Amino acid sequence: MQKLNELNITDKAYFIIGLGVIKSAKSAKWMNKNLFGINIPEEIINRIEQSNNESLEGIKICIELIEKYKSIEGVSGIHLMGYKQEKEIASVISNFK
């Protein structure tokens, strides 16, 4: 984003970050292996794996990442995605009322 801002591209286009809620360490590992363009860092996978509730930890991580991305100049929004994860995504969204 820094380079895009330097080139004034963010004045001409909007950039949206795509995020999903990770349900488990197992699903994170599967996504890294099987979905092109997905890169879930090992530290995130370890954090989920070591938690008492993997699904809840995935929601917490998603919220933290949104907060982080909101502060980056040039980021215009977040696209939350997740197959059959309506409840998890609703939990994330409810934190930003």
Protein backbone atom coordinates (compact mmCIF):
# COMPACT_ATOMS: atom_id res chain seq x y z
CA MET A 1 0.00 0.00 0.00
CA GLN A 2 2.91 2.32 0.69
CA LYS A 3 4.09 2.03 -2.92
CA LEU A 4 0.56 2.52 -4.27
CA ASN A 5 0.20 5.64 -2.12
CA GLU A 6 3.58 6.97 -3.31
CA LEU A 7 2.47 6.54 -6.93
CA ASN A 8 -0.88 8.27 -6.16
CA ILE A 9 -2.74 5.19 -7.34
CA THR A 10 -4.94 5.23 -4.24
CA ASP A 11 -6.29 8.59 -5.47
CA LYS A 12 -7.60 6.83 -8.56
CA ALA A 13 -8.80 3.47 -7.22
CA TYR A 14 -10.18 1.90 -4.06
CA PHE A 15 -8.46 -1.07 -2.44
CA ILE A 16 -10.33 -3.65 -0.39
CA ILE A 17 -8.63 -6.29 1.76
CA GLY A 18 -10.12 -9.80 1.58
CA LEU A 19 -10.32 -11.59 4.94
CA GLY A 20 -11.97 -14.69 6.23
CA VAL A 21 -12.59 -16.21 9.63
CA ILE A 22 -10.39 -19.24 10.21
CA LYS A 23 -12.39 -21.99 11.94
CA SER A 24 -9.46 -24.22 12.91
CA ALA A 25 -5.74 -24.78 12.53
CA LYS A 26 -6.57 -27.78 10.33
CA SER A 27 -8.59 -25.64 7.93
CA ALA A 28 -5.83 -22.98 7.87
CA LYS A 29 -3.27 -25.61 6.89
CA TRP A 30 -5.61 -26.94 4.21
CA MET A 31 -6.15 -23.44 2.78
CA ASN A 32 -2.41 -22.77 2.65
CA LYS A 33 -1.87 -26.01 0.77
CA ASN A 34 -4.85 -25.96 -1.59
CA LEU A 35 -6.00 -22.38 -2.26
CA PHE A 36 -3.91 -20.25 -4.59
CA GLY A 37 -3.01 -16.86 -3.13
CA ILE A 38 -3.81 -17.82 0.47
CA ASN A 39 -0.98 -17.33 2.94
CA ILE A 40 -1.78 -17.86 6.59
CA PRO A 41 1.38 -17.34 8.65
CA GLU A 42 2.56 -20.19 10.86
CA GLU A 43 2.31 -17.97 13.95
CA ILE A 44 -1.44 -17.54 13.30
CA ILE A 45 -1.89 -21.28 12.81
CA ASN A 46 0.02 -21.97 16.04
CA ARG A 47 -2.05 -19.43 17.95
CA ILE A 48 -5.29 -21.06 16.78
CA GLU A 49 -3.94 -24.56 17.47
CA GLN A 50 -2.93 -23.65 21.04
CA SER A 51 -6.21 -21.96 21.94
CA ASN A 52 -9.00 -23.55 23.96
CA ASN A 53 -11.57 -22.66 21.30
CA GLU A 54 -10.18 -22.59 17.76
CA SER A 55 -13.29 -21.06 16.19
CA LEU A 56 -13.43 -18.22 18.73
CA GLU A 57 -9.71 -17.58 18.31
CA GLY A 58 -10.21 -17.31 14.55
CA ILE A 59 -12.88 -14.65 15.13
CA LYS A 60 -10.55 -12.73 17.47
CA ILE A 61 -7.75 -12.84 14.91
CA CYS A 62 -10.05 -11.60 12.16
CA ILE A 63 -11.13 -8.64 14.33
CA GLU A 64 -7.50 -7.82 15.14
CA LEU A 65 -6.56 -7.90 11.46
CA ILE A 66 -9.44 -5.60 10.53
CA GLU A 67 -8.27 -3.10 13.15
CA LYS A 68 -4.76 -3.30 11.75
CA TYR A 69 -5.80 -2.90 8.11
CA LYS A 70 -8.16 0.00 8.92
CA SER A 71 -5.13 2.06 9.95
CA ILE A 72 -3.25 1.57 6.67
CA GLU A 73 -3.49 4.56 4.36
CA GLY A 74 -5.12 3.62 1.07
CA VAL A 75 -7.19 0.71 2.40
CA SER A 76 -10.81 1.56 1.62
CA GLY A 77 -12.53 -1.42 3.19
CA ILE A 78 -12.62 -5.08 4.11
CA HIS A 79 -14.33 -7.89 2.22
CA LEU A 80 -15.28 -10.61 4.71
CA MET A 81 -15.69 -13.98 3.12
CA GLY A 82 -16.27 -17.51 4.26
CA TYR A 83 -18.20 -20.43 2.91
CA LYS A 84 -21.04 -21.30 5.32
CA GLN A 85 -19.63 -18.94 7.96
CA GLU A 86 -22.49 -16.51 8.31
CA LYS A 87 -22.54 -16.72 12.13
CA GLU A 88 -18.79 -16.18 12.45
CA ILE A 89 -18.84 -13.23 10.06
CA ALA A 90 -21.82 -11.73 11.93
CA SER A 91 -19.79 -12.04 15.16
CA VAL A 92 -16.93 -10.14 13.55
CA ILE A 93 -19.18 -7.41 12.17
CA SER A 94 -20.96 -6.94 15.52
CA ASN A 95 -17.66 -5.73 16.99
CA PHE A 96 -17.69 -2.68 14.73
CA LYS A 97 -21.06 -1.07 15.46
